[in-house]
Amino acid sequence: MLGTLTAVWNRVFAVLGRVSMYRLAYVALAALAVIALLLSFFGLVGPGPLELVVTLVVLAAVCVGVDAAMQRVLGLPWRIESSLITAHILLFVLRPTLELTGVAGIAIAALAASLSKYVLAWRGRHIFNPAAVGATVLTLLSVAWPALGSSSWWVGTPAMAAPVIVLGILLLVRTEKLRVITGFVVIAVAVAVVRTAAQYQSAGVEVEVLELLWPLLWSSPFLFLGAFMLSEPLTLPPRRWQQFTVAAVVGVLAGWPIPVGDITLGQERALLIGNLVAFAFAVRTAVRLTLVSRAAPTPTVRELTFRVHDRLSFVPGQYLELEVPHRHTDARGTRREFSIASAPEDLPQLKVAFKDGSSTKPLSSYKKALAVVGEGDRLAITGVWGDFLLPKRDAAPILMVAAGIGVTPFVSQLRHARLAGQERDIVLVYVVSDAAELAYREEIEASGVHVVVFCRDRPADLPPHWQWARGVRLDADGLLRVVPDIAARHAYISGPAALIADLAPALERARSITTDAFSGY
């Protein structure tokens, strides 16, 4: 069963990975806006058609205008997708209106949301979800000036539940946050059921739990809050257990709002508190880098060595998000994720590697921009994330399966183990098209681990602990043949999502499966 789920998950991820998470978030929100507009003609959502259109135009104009002005003043690349995402989220959180005072309140919320990215920030990284800030500012102002309006979360209606779930799941699969947000929804709904039941009981009214469960699930904003706001990568901590903790905090506060004066710690305020918890886990900051050198470990692999100028910490196996600002971006935007190929002991030097474009596929706009970055040029890391980490117990037997450039997180882990003096029982299965594509061969050889190579031709001068899988195709059966003790090992696989899906039947026999899928640059 686990193998089947892993296979399905990675096949879907392979398709979604062709679009950046930011572009996918914008497209999903735009689709929700169109659906809401259609439903409004039939009176199935609160706002009317003209209210929706006018509100979105005002939100988009203010968010785009403020972001463009601030990014120009600060010399930052203009990210119009970020502006439009904020505008669309606010559309579903605020109360659309045609009244002039209400429209002014909407503009104020958009202004506060956009400014928060630059004012409520720490060393280049915003701390709070911008839309939550905008909605909170408007709610606070509405205490003194009720005509300005406040947050309404009208998206929490049965007619919008199915679209939110479908589009939200697509986004969560792409961002690999489905489990975290599912945990949030479960906690928020459970707490809300307990709270509502307690209220009925105090009023002397008996009610069935199921009578409370379904309305709270389909008619509450929890689904939207989780899928499109809590899941924002820039305001989540790097480790999954930390993300679950933040999800639990937000779930409890959203499910049982705490009154503070004339307002409550409702949806957006609960998220802001969760953002603070996330910030406490890991003080996020944009880390500046200078390109030191370029190298070509194989005919198609390119390695970049950077010098880090700010404080940075990572665990071997984690990945970073590298921003390369450029014009005329394609659907995947200006940011890409790279597994770190160096060890923590190498800091302040940091290495990443990627596969160069093939002659049959056009280069992405990102790769074209990265290709012209010269030595001495500065870039920035927007964050470090990931749970592709080896067991803390050194005695745990490990199976590593790497396809092509997917070997980079293993190189970091093997180098760290060697420098730290750790001894581990590791088998590395390394899949490449031909022997010339064996990257980081010297580093892997120095680690002393047993290596099984899958490639068309026999690699020259194989070390004694290396094995060429002659005539064996790497599929589930082939993997079981070369690693007969897989059931005793913790399996880690890094490579294209399609390969992970193919190997899932064999990997499910392992003690555990940890995957690190990628979809190209």
Protein backbone atom coordinates (compact mmCIF):
# COMPACT_ATOMS: atom_id res chain seq x y z
CA MET A 1 0.00 0.00 0.00
CA LEU A 2 2.80 2.43 0.94
CA GLY A 3 4.56 1.68 -2.33
CA THR A 4 1.42 2.38 -4.35
CA LEU A 5 0.84 5.70 -2.59
CA THR A 6 4.48 6.66 -3.13
CA ALA A 7 4.19 5.82 -6.83
CA VAL A 8 0.99 7.82 -7.31
CA TRP A 9 2.32 10.77 -5.32
CA ASN A 10 5.51 11.02 -7.37
CA ARG A 11 3.76 10.69 -10.74
CA VAL A 12 1.49 13.60 -9.81
CA PHE A 13 4.46 15.56 -8.47
CA ALA A 14 6.33 15.01 -11.75
CA VAL A 15 3.53 16.73 -13.65
CA LEU A 16 3.00 19.59 -11.19
CA GLY A 17 6.74 20.18 -10.89
CA ARG A 18 6.80 21.70 -14.37
CA VAL A 19 5.27 24.87 -12.91
CA SER A 20 6.71 26.93 -10.06
CA MET A 21 4.80 26.82 -6.79
CA TYR A 22 4.24 30.59 -7.07
CA ARG A 23 2.77 30.34 -10.55
CA LEU A 24 0.63 27.39 -9.51
CA ALA A 25 -0.63 29.30 -6.45
CA TYR A 26 -1.61 32.26 -8.61
CA VAL A 27 -3.33 30.10 -11.24
CA ALA A 28 -5.24 28.20 -8.54
CA LEU A 29 -6.40 31.41 -6.85
CA ALA A 30 -7.37 32.95 -10.18
CA ALA A 31 -9.38 29.83 -10.98
CA LEU A 32 -11.14 30.11 -7.61
CA ALA A 33 -11.96 33.74 -8.38
CA VAL A 34 -13.52 32.74 -11.72
CA ILE A 35 -15.51 29.96 -10.02
CA ALA A 36 -16.71 32.38 -7.34
CA LEU A 37 -17.76 34.87 -10.02
CA LEU A 38 -19.81 32.21 -11.81
CA LEU A 39 -21.41 31.07 -8.53
CA SER A 40 -22.26 34.67 -7.64
CA PHE A 41 -24.64 34.89 -10.63
CA PHE A 42 -26.71 32.19 -8.97
CA GLY A 43 -26.52 33.61 -5.47
CA LEU A 44 -24.45 30.67 -4.18
CA VAL A 45 -21.80 32.89 -2.56
CA GLY A 46 -22.21 36.04 -0.48
CA PRO A 47 -20.78 38.74 -2.78
CA GLY A 48 -22.43 39.75 -6.04
CA PRO A 49 -20.63 39.67 -9.42
CA LEU A 50 -19.91 43.41 -9.58
CA GLU A 51 -18.72 43.45 -5.97
CA LEU A 52 -16.24 40.69 -6.75
CA VAL A 53 -14.90 42.39 -9.87
CA VAL A 54 -14.52 45.84 -8.31
CA THR A 55 -12.91 44.46 -5.14
CA LEU A 56 -10.38 42.39 -7.08
CA VAL A 57 -9.47 45.32 -9.34
CA VAL A 58 -8.84 47.56 -6.31
CA LEU A 59 -6.82 44.88 -4.51
CA ALA A 60 -4.71 44.07 -7.56
CA ALA A 61 -4.05 47.74 -8.36
CA VAL A 62 -2.92 48.57 -4.81
CA CYS A 63 -0.85 45.39 -4.28
CA VAL A 64 0.88 45.63 -7.66
CA GLY A 65 1.46 49.36 -7.31
CA VAL A 66 2.90 49.22 -3.78
CA ASP A 67 5.11 46.22 -4.56
CA ALA A 68 6.41 47.82 -7.76
CA ALA A 69 7.23 51.07 -5.93
CA MET A 70 8.91 49.38 -2.95
CA GLN A 71 10.91 46.98 -5.08
CA ARG A 72 12.10 49.84 -7.24
CA VAL A 73 13.16 51.90 -4.20
CA LEU A 74 14.95 48.92 -2.62
CA GLY A 75 16.47 47.72 -5.88
CA LEU A 76 14.68 44.36 -5.72
CA PRO A 77 13.36 42.34 -8.66
CA TRP A 78 9.67 42.92 -9.31
CA ARG A 79 7.60 39.83 -8.52
CA ILE A 80 4.16 40.51 -9.96
CA GLU A 81 2.98 36.97 -9.10
CA SER A 82 3.54 37.66 -5.41
CA SER A 83 1.43 40.82 -5.67
CA LEU A 84 -1.41 39.05 -7.46
CA ILE A 85 -1.37 36.14 -5.01
CA THR A 86 -1.78 38.56 -2.10
CA ALA A 87 -4.61 40.38 -3.91
CA HIS A 88 -6.49 37.17 -4.65
CA ILE A 89 -6.17 35.85 -1.10
CA LEU A 90 -7.53 39.12 0.26
CA LEU A 91 -10.46 38.85 -2.16
CA PHE A 92 -11.62 35.70 -0.36
CA VAL A 93 -10.81 36.96 3.14
CA LEU A 94 -12.34 40.47 3.06
CA ARG A 95 -15.94 41.48 2.43
CA PRO A 96 -16.31 42.59 -1.22
CA THR A 97 -18.37 45.75 -1.52
CA LEU A 98 -19.32 48.64 -3.79
CA GLU A 99 -19.66 51.20 -0.99
CA LEU A 100 -16.98 53.89 -1.19
CA THR A 101 -15.98 53.62 2.48
CA GLY A 102 -15.79 49.84 2.22
CA VAL A 103 -13.70 50.09 -0.94
CA ALA A 104 -11.37 52.44 0.92
CA GLY A 105 -11.05 49.84 3.69
CA ILE A 106 -10.18 47.20 1.10
CA ALA A 107 -7.49 49.47 -0.33
CA ILE A 108 -6.10 50.04 3.18
CA ALA A 109 -5.92 46.27 3.75
CA ALA A 110 -4.09 45.78 0.45
CA LEU A 111 -1.69 48.62 1.32
CA ALA A 112 -0.94 47.11 4.75
CA ALA A 113 -0.49 43.62 3.27
CA SER A 114 2.00 44.79 0.65
CA LEU A 115 3.96 47.06 3.00
CA SER A 116 4.27 44.25 5.55
CA LYS A 117 6.59 42.40 3.18
CA TYR A 118 9.15 45.18 3.63
CA VAL A 119 8.36 46.70 7.03
CA LEU A 120 7.60 43.55 9.06
CA ALA A 121 10.67 41.77 7.74
CA TRP A 122 13.94 40.45 9.05
CA ARG A 123 17.01 40.88 6.85
CA GLY A 124 15.10 40.68 3.59
CA ARG A 125 12.47 38.08 4.55
CA HIS A 126 8.92 38.89 5.62
CA ILE A 127 7.86 37.37 8.93
CA PHE A 128 4.09 37.34 8.56
CA ASN A 129 1.69 36.22 5.87
CA PRO A 130 0.96 39.51 4.06
CA ALA A 131 -2.76 38.86 3.50
CA ALA A 132 -3.22 38.02 7.19
CA VAL A 133 -1.55 41.30 8.12
CA GLY A 134 -3.80 43.27 5.79
CA ALA A 135 -6.97 41.62 7.09
CA THR A 136 -5.90 42.16 10.71
CA VAL A 137 -5.12 45.84 10.17
CA LEU A 138 -8.56 46.38 8.63
CA THR A 139 -10.27 44.50 11.46
CA LEU A 140 -8.49 46.62 14.08
CA LEU A 141 -9.43 49.83 12.26
CA SER A 142 -13.03 48.68 11.99
CA VAL A 143 -13.33 48.80 15.80
CA ALA A 144 -13.18 52.60 15.56
CA TRP A 145 -14.61 52.98 12.04
CA PRO A 146 -17.07 50.12 11.38
CA ALA A 147 -17.90 51.43 7.91
CA LEU A 148 -14.43 50.42 6.69
CA GLY A 149 -15.50 46.79 6.94
CA SER A 150 -13.47 43.85 8.24
CA SER A 151 -12.49 40.33 7.34
CA SER A 152 -15.43 38.04 6.53
CA TRP A 153 -13.89 34.82 5.13
CA TRP A 154 -16.87 34.40 2.80
CA VAL A 155 -14.86 31.70 0.99
CA GLY A 156 -15.96 29.33 3.77
CA THR A 157 -19.21 28.29 2.10
CA PRO A 158 -20.35 24.85 0.89
CA ALA A 159 -20.44 26.00 -2.74
CA MET A 160 -16.70 26.86 -2.62
CA ALA A 161 -15.58 23.82 -0.60
CA ALA A 162 -15.02 21.42 -3.51
CA PRO A 163 -13.03 23.88 -5.68
CA VAL A 164 -10.92 24.90 -2.67
CA ILE A 165 -10.19 21.24 -1.86
CA VAL A 166 -9.27 20.23 -5.43
CA LEU A 167 -7.11 23.26 -6.23
CA GLY A 168 -5.69 23.30 -2.71
CA ILE A 169 -4.57 19.68 -2.93
CA LEU A 170 -2.80 20.37 -6.22
CA LEU A 171 -0.89 23.22 -4.60
CA LEU A 172 -0.10 21.21 -1.47
CA VAL A 173 1.24 18.29 -3.50
CA ARG A 174 3.47 20.71 -5.41
CA THR A 175 4.75 22.31 -2.19
CA GLU A 176 4.86 18.94 -0.37
CA LYS A 177 2.75 20.31 2.50
CA LEU A 178 -0.29 18.01 2.19
CA ARG A 179 0.36 16.12 5.43
CA VAL A 180 1.06 19.28 7.42
CA ILE A 181 -2.08 21.07 6.24
CA THR A 182 -4.19 17.94 6.68
CA GLY A 183 -3.05 17.92 10.30
CA PHE A 184 -4.03 21.56 10.65
CA VAL A 185 -7.53 20.97 9.23
CA VAL A 186 -8.11 17.96 11.49
CA ILE A 187 -7.06 19.91 14.59
CA ALA A 188 -9.00 23.04 13.66
CA VAL A 189 -12.23 21.14 12.93
CA ALA A 190 -11.89 18.95 16.05
CA VAL A 191 -11.33 21.98 18.29
CA ALA A 192 -14.21 23.84 16.64
CA VAL A 193 -16.52 20.84 17.21
CA VAL A 194 -15.57 20.71 20.90
CA ARG A 195 -16.08 24.47 21.26
CA THR A 196 -19.47 24.45 19.52
CA ALA A 197 -20.63 21.41 21.49
CA ALA A 198 -19.62 23.14 24.73
CA GLN A 199 -21.61 26.21 23.72
CA TYR A 200 -24.71 24.12 22.98
CA GLN A 201 -24.29 22.24 26.26
CA SER A 202 -24.02 25.46 28.27
CA ALA A 203 -27.26 26.58 26.62
CA GLY A 204 -28.92 23.30 27.57
CA VAL A 205 -29.26 22.06 23.97
CA GLU A 206 -28.28 18.51 23.02
CA VAL A 207 -26.67 18.06 19.63
CA GLU A 208 -25.03 15.17 17.73
CA VAL A 209 -21.33 15.49 16.86
CA LEU A 210 -21.96 14.74 13.16
CA GLU A 211 -24.49 17.56 13.07
CA LEU A 212 -21.66 19.88 14.02
CA LEU A 213 -18.84 18.23 12.05
CA TRP A 214 -20.05 18.65 8.49
CA PRO A 215 -21.10 22.32 8.67
CA LEU A 216 -17.81 23.20 10.36
CA LEU A 217 -15.84 21.38 7.68
CA TRP A 218 -17.67 22.63 4.59
CA SER A 219 -18.83 26.04 5.83
CA SER A 220 -15.69 27.22 7.61
CA PRO A 221 -12.59 28.90 6.15
CA PHE A 222 -10.24 26.21 7.48
CA LEU A 223 -9.68 24.60 4.07
CA PHE A 224 -8.74 27.89 2.39
CA LEU A 225 -6.66 29.11 5.33
CA GLY A 226 -4.62 25.93 5.33
CA ALA A 227 -4.17 25.39 1.60
CA PHE A 228 -3.46 28.95 0.48
CA MET A 229 -2.11 30.80 3.53
CA LEU A 230 -0.64 28.54 6.19
CA SER A 231 1.19 26.56 3.48
CA GLU A 232 3.23 29.59 2.36
CA PRO A 233 6.85 28.29 2.33
CA LEU A 234 8.43 31.61 3.31
CA THR A 235 6.54 31.74 6.63
CA LEU A 236 7.03 28.10 7.61
CA PRO A 237 10.01 26.68 9.52
CA PRO A 238 12.39 24.30 7.68
CA ARG A 239 11.76 21.00 9.46
CA ARG A 240 8.55 18.99 9.16
CA TRP A 241 8.10 18.49 12.91
CA GLN A 242 8.36 22.25 13.32
CA GLN A 243 5.76 22.72 10.58
CA PHE A 244 3.40 20.31 12.35
CA THR A 245 3.87 22.29 15.56
CA VAL A 246 2.97 25.54 13.81
CA ALA A 247 -0.03 23.83 12.17
CA ALA A 248 -1.23 22.62 15.58
CA VAL A 249 -0.92 26.10 17.13
CA VAL A 250 -2.84 27.73 14.29
CA GLY A 251 -5.41 24.92 14.30
CA VAL A 252 -6.19 25.35 17.99
CA LEU A 253 -6.43 29.15 17.79
CA ALA A 254 -8.50 29.09 14.61
CA GLY A 255 -10.83 26.40 15.96
CA TRP A 256 -11.38 28.12 19.31
CA PRO A 257 -11.04 31.90 18.77
CA ILE A 258 -9.93 33.76 21.89
CA PRO A 259 -11.74 37.06 22.51
CA VAL A 260 -9.50 40.09 23.00
CA GLY A 261 -11.61 43.14 23.66
CA ASP A 262 -14.01 43.69 20.80
CA ILE A 263 -12.26 41.24 18.47
CA THR A 264 -11.15 37.63 18.62
CA LEU A 265 -7.99 35.77 17.74
CA GLY A 266 -9.78 34.33 14.72
CA GLN A 267 -8.46 32.97 11.43
CA GLU A 268 -5.92 35.57 10.29
CA ARG A 269 -4.81 36.44 13.83
CA ALA A 270 -4.28 32.74 14.55
CA LEU A 271 -2.09 32.55 11.45
CA LEU A 272 -0.03 35.57 12.56
CA ILE A 273 0.69 33.87 15.89
CA GLY A 274 1.68 30.74 13.98
CA ASN A 275 4.02 32.86 11.86
CA LEU A 276 5.69 34.10 15.06
CA VAL A 277 6.14 30.52 16.28
CA ALA A 278 7.69 29.61 12.92
CA PHE A 279 10.00 32.61 13.12
CA ALA A 280 11.10 31.53 16.60
CA PHE A 281 11.99 28.05 15.30
CA ALA A 282 14.28 29.40 12.64
CA VAL A 283 15.06 33.06 12.16
CA ARG A 284 14.60 33.15 8.41
CA THR A 285 16.73 35.53 6.42
CA ALA A 286 17.83 36.02 2.85
CA VAL A 287 21.41 34.72 2.76
CA ARG A 288 23.77 36.53 0.41
CA LEU A 289 26.17 34.53 -1.73
CA THR A 290 29.04 35.31 -4.06
CA LEU A 291 29.87 32.92 -6.88
CA VAL A 292 33.45 31.76 -6.41
CA SER A 293 33.86 29.26 -9.22
CA ARG A 294 32.19 27.00 -11.75
CA ALA A 295 33.14 23.40 -12.49
CA ALA A 296 31.95 20.56 -14.72
CA PRO A 297 32.13 17.25 -12.78
CA THR A 298 30.70 15.45 -15.84
CA PRO A 299 29.93 16.44 -19.45
CA THR A 300 26.38 17.46 -18.48
CA VAL A 301 26.65 18.41 -14.78
CA ARG A 302 27.59 21.91 -13.66
CA GLU A 303 28.79 22.69 -10.15
CA LEU A 304 28.65 26.13 -8.56
CA THR A 305 30.77 27.04 -5.53
CA PHE A 306 29.63 30.03 -3.51
CA ARG A 307 30.98 31.97 -0.57
CA VAL A 308 28.33 32.61 2.09
CA HIS A 309 28.25 36.11 3.60
CA ASP A 310 25.53 35.66 6.22
CA ARG A 311 24.81 33.19 8.98
CA LEU A 312 23.65 29.87 7.50
CA SER A 313 23.08 26.46 9.01
CA PHE A 314 21.83 23.29 7.40
CA VAL A 315 21.73 19.54 7.93
CA PRO A 316 23.21 17.27 5.22
CA GLY A 317 20.40 16.24 2.88
CA GLN A 318 18.55 19.57 3.00
CA TYR A 319 17.98 21.83 0.03
CA LEU A 320 18.10 25.56 -0.58
CA GLU A 321 16.07 27.87 -2.78
CA LEU A 322 18.30 30.02 -4.99
CA GLU A 323 16.94 33.16 -6.59
CA VAL A 324 18.31 34.37 -9.92
CA PRO A 325 16.43 37.54 -10.89
CA HIS A 326 15.92 37.94 -14.64
CA ARG A 327 13.49 39.36 -17.13
CA HIS A 328 10.98 37.46 -19.23
CA THR A 329 10.65 34.58 -16.81
CA ASP A 330 8.90 31.41 -17.89
CA ALA A 331 6.18 29.55 -15.96
CA ARG A 332 8.61 28.43 -13.24
CA GLY A 333 9.76 31.87 -12.15
CA THR A 334 13.07 33.15 -10.74
CA ARG A 335 13.63 30.62 -7.94
CA ARG A 336 14.70 26.98 -7.98
CA GLU A 337 15.49 24.39 -5.34
CA PHE A 338 18.93 22.75 -5.21
CA SER A 339 20.13 20.01 -2.90
CA ILE A 340 23.27 21.15 -1.10
CA ALA A 341 26.28 19.16 -2.32
CA SER A 342 28.78 20.29 0.33
CA ALA A 343 28.92 19.47 4.03
CA PRO A 344 28.26 21.89 6.92
CA GLU A 345 31.95 21.60 7.75
CA ASP A 346 32.77 23.31 4.40
CA LEU A 347 31.06 26.60 5.31
CA PRO A 348 31.47 29.42 4.39
CA GLN A 349 31.91 27.62 1.09
CA LEU A 350 28.72 26.11 -0.29
CA LYS A 351 28.25 23.92 -3.35
CA VAL A 352 25.27 23.05 -5.51
CA ALA A 353 25.13 21.14 -8.77
CA PHE A 354 22.61 20.79 -11.57
CA LYS A 355 22.23 19.09 -14.91
CA ASP A 356 22.87 21.25 -17.93
CA GLY A 357 20.22 21.57 -20.62
CA SER A 358 20.01 18.85 -23.25
CA SER A 359 20.12 19.50 -26.99
CA THR A 360 16.56 18.22 -27.39
CA LYS A 361 14.96 20.44 -24.71
CA PRO A 362 14.93 24.25 -24.71
CA LEU A 363 16.63 25.88 -21.77
CA SER A 364 14.38 27.39 -19.12
CA SER A 365 14.66 31.13 -18.57
CA TYR A 366 16.16 30.34 -15.17
CA LYS A 367 18.97 28.22 -16.61
CA LYS A 368 19.74 30.85 -19.21
CA ALA A 369 20.03 33.45 -16.45
CA LEU A 370 22.11 31.17 -14.24
CA ALA A 371 24.46 30.47 -17.15
CA VAL A 372 25.50 34.12 -17.38
CA VAL A 373 26.13 34.60 -13.66
CA GLY A 374 29.87 35.25 -13.42
CA GLU A 375 32.46 34.79 -10.71
CA GLY A 376 32.07 37.58 -8.17
CA ASP A 377 28.38 38.08 -8.90
CA ARG A 378 26.00 38.06 -5.94
CA LEU A 379 22.84 36.02 -5.55
CA ALA A 380 20.63 35.16 -2.57
CA ILE A 381 19.22 32.06 -0.91
CA THR A 382 15.61 32.57 0.15
CA GLY A 383 15.62 29.64 2.56
CA VAL A 384 16.82 26.16 3.53
CA TRP A 385 14.31 23.36 3.99
CA GLY A 386 13.91 19.60 3.96
CA ASP A 387 13.66 16.40 5.95
CA PHE A 388 15.73 14.19 3.65
CA LEU A 389 17.92 13.37 6.63
CA LEU A 390 19.65 10.15 7.68
CA PRO A 391 18.62 8.47 10.94
CA LYS A 392 20.39 9.88 13.98
CA ARG A 393 21.32 6.36 15.03
CA ASP A 394 24.63 5.56 13.30
CA ALA A 395 23.99 1.80 13.44
CA ALA A 396 20.87 1.99 11.22
CA PRO A 397 21.61 0.31 7.85
CA ILE A 398 20.98 2.67 4.92
CA LEU A 399 20.13 2.23 1.24
CA MET A 400 20.75 5.26 -0.96
CA VAL A 401 19.35 5.27 -4.50
CA ALA A 402 20.52 8.18 -6.68
CA ALA A 403 19.63 8.91 -10.28
CA GLY A 404 22.01 11.27 -12.03
CA ILE A 405 22.28 14.61 -10.30
CA GLY A 406 20.10 13.19 -7.52
CA VAL A 407 23.37 12.07 -5.93
CA THR A 408 24.05 15.56 -4.52
CA PRO A 409 22.27 15.22 -1.14
CA PHE A 410 24.04 11.88 -0.62
CA VAL A 411 27.39 13.51 -1.39
CA SER A 412 26.71 16.02 1.37
CA GLN A 413 25.74 13.25 3.79
CA LEU A 414 28.69 11.01 2.94
CA ARG A 415 31.17 13.86 3.17
CA HIS A 416 29.74 14.96 6.53
CA ALA A 417 29.91 11.40 7.88
CA ARG A 418 33.56 11.11 6.81
CA LEU A 419 34.57 14.49 8.27
CA ALA A 420 32.66 13.78 11.50
CA GLY A 421 34.25 10.34 11.86
CA GLN A 422 30.92 8.47 11.65
CA GLU A 423 30.82 4.85 10.50
CA ARG A 424 27.58 3.76 8.81
CA ASP A 425 26.41 0.66 6.96
CA ILE A 426 25.49 2.27 3.62
CA VAL A 427 24.83 0.87 0.16
CA LEU A 428 24.62 3.45 -2.64
CA VAL A 429 22.85 2.50 -5.88
CA TYR A 430 23.95 5.07 -8.45
CA VAL A 431 22.09 5.31 -11.77
CA VAL A 432 23.54 7.25 -14.72
CA SER A 433 23.20 7.10 -18.50
CA ASP A 434 26.87 6.20 -19.01
CA ALA A 435 30.07 5.99 -16.99
CA ALA A 436 31.18 9.52 -17.91
CA GLU A 437 28.20 10.87 -15.94
CA LEU A 438 29.37 9.53 -12.56
CA ALA A 439 29.62 12.81 -10.65
CA TYR A 440 31.55 13.22 -7.38
CA ARG A 441 33.26 9.88 -7.86
CA GLU A 442 36.29 10.81 -5.75
CA GLU A 443 34.19 12.03 -2.83
CA ILE A 444 32.00 8.92 -2.88
CA GLU A 445 35.05 6.66 -3.14
CA ALA A 446 36.64 8.42 -0.14
CA SER A 447 33.57 7.60 1.95
CA GLY A 448 34.26 3.87 1.62
CA VAL A 449 30.59 2.89 1.14
CA HIS A 450 29.56 0.00 -1.11
CA VAL A 451 28.41 1.36 -4.49
CA VAL A 452 26.36 -0.39 -7.19
CA VAL A 453 26.53 1.44 -10.54
CA PHE A 454 23.82 1.17 -13.19
CA CYS A 455 24.95 2.46 -16.57
CA ARG A 456 25.27 1.26 -20.17
CA ASP A 457 29.08 0.91 -20.25
CA ARG A 458 31.49 -0.43 -17.67
CA PRO A 459 33.17 2.35 -15.66
CA ALA A 460 36.96 2.24 -15.82
CA ASP A 461 39.11 1.53 -12.77
CA LEU A 462 36.31 0.62 -10.39
CA PRO A 463 37.38 0.65 -6.72
CA PRO A 464 37.17 -2.71 -4.89
CA HIS A 465 33.96 -1.74 -3.08
CA TRP A 466 32.21 -0.64 -6.29
CA GLN A 467 30.11 -2.95 -8.45
CA TRP A 468 28.87 -2.52 -12.03
CA ALA A 469 25.37 -4.00 -12.39
CA ARG A 470 26.10 -5.73 -15.66
CA GLY A 471 23.00 -6.20 -17.78
CA VAL A 472 20.61 -5.41 -14.93
CA ARG A 473 17.97 -2.75 -15.55
CA LEU A 474 17.09 -0.64 -12.54
CA ASP A 475 13.48 -1.45 -11.88
CA ALA A 476 11.89 -2.91 -8.78
CA ASP A 477 13.17 -6.44 -9.56
CA GLY A 478 16.65 -5.19 -10.41
CA LEU A 479 16.88 -3.26 -7.15
CA LEU A 480 15.91 -6.33 -5.13
CA ARG A 481 18.57 -8.37 -6.92
CA VAL A 482 21.47 -6.03 -6.12
CA VAL A 483 20.25 -5.19 -2.59
CA PRO A 484 18.84 -8.47 -1.26
CA ASP A 485 18.79 -7.20 2.35
CA ILE A 486 16.62 -4.18 1.53
CA ALA A 487 14.13 -5.20 4.23
CA ALA A 488 16.76 -4.42 6.88
CA ARG A 489 17.57 -0.98 5.49
CA HIS A 490 16.13 2.52 5.63
CA ALA A 491 15.67 3.48 1.98
CA TYR A 492 16.44 6.97 0.64
CA ILE A 493 15.89 7.76 -3.02
CA SER A 494 16.75 10.97 -4.83
CA GLY A 495 15.96 11.57 -8.46
CA PRO A 496 13.18 12.17 -10.96
CA ALA A 497 9.70 11.55 -9.58
CA ALA A 498 8.99 9.02 -12.35
CA LEU A 499 11.91 6.81 -11.25
CA ILE A 500 10.76 6.94 -7.62
CA ALA A 501 7.31 5.81 -8.78
CA ASP A 502 8.83 2.89 -10.74
CA LEU A 503 10.89 1.69 -7.77
CA ALA A 504 8.11 2.06 -5.21
CA PRO A 505 7.12 -1.67 -5.22
CA ALA A 506 10.65 -2.66 -4.17
CA LEU A 507 11.16 0.25 -1.79
CA GLU A 508 8.05 -0.59 0.19
CA ARG A 509 9.90 -3.68 1.46
CA ALA A 510 12.44 -1.43 3.18
CA ARG A 511 12.12 -0.48 6.85
CA SER A 512 11.18 3.03 5.76
CA ILE A 513 11.09 5.15 2.59
CA THR A 514 12.27 8.75 2.35
CA THR A 515 12.12 10.40 -1.06
CA ASP A 516 13.60 13.55 -2.56
CA ALA A 517 11.97 14.08 -5.95
CA PHE A 518 12.88 16.83 -8.40
CA SER A 519 11.50 17.85 -11.75
CA GLY A 520 14.23 19.77 -13.51
CA TYR A 521 15.34 23.39 -13.78
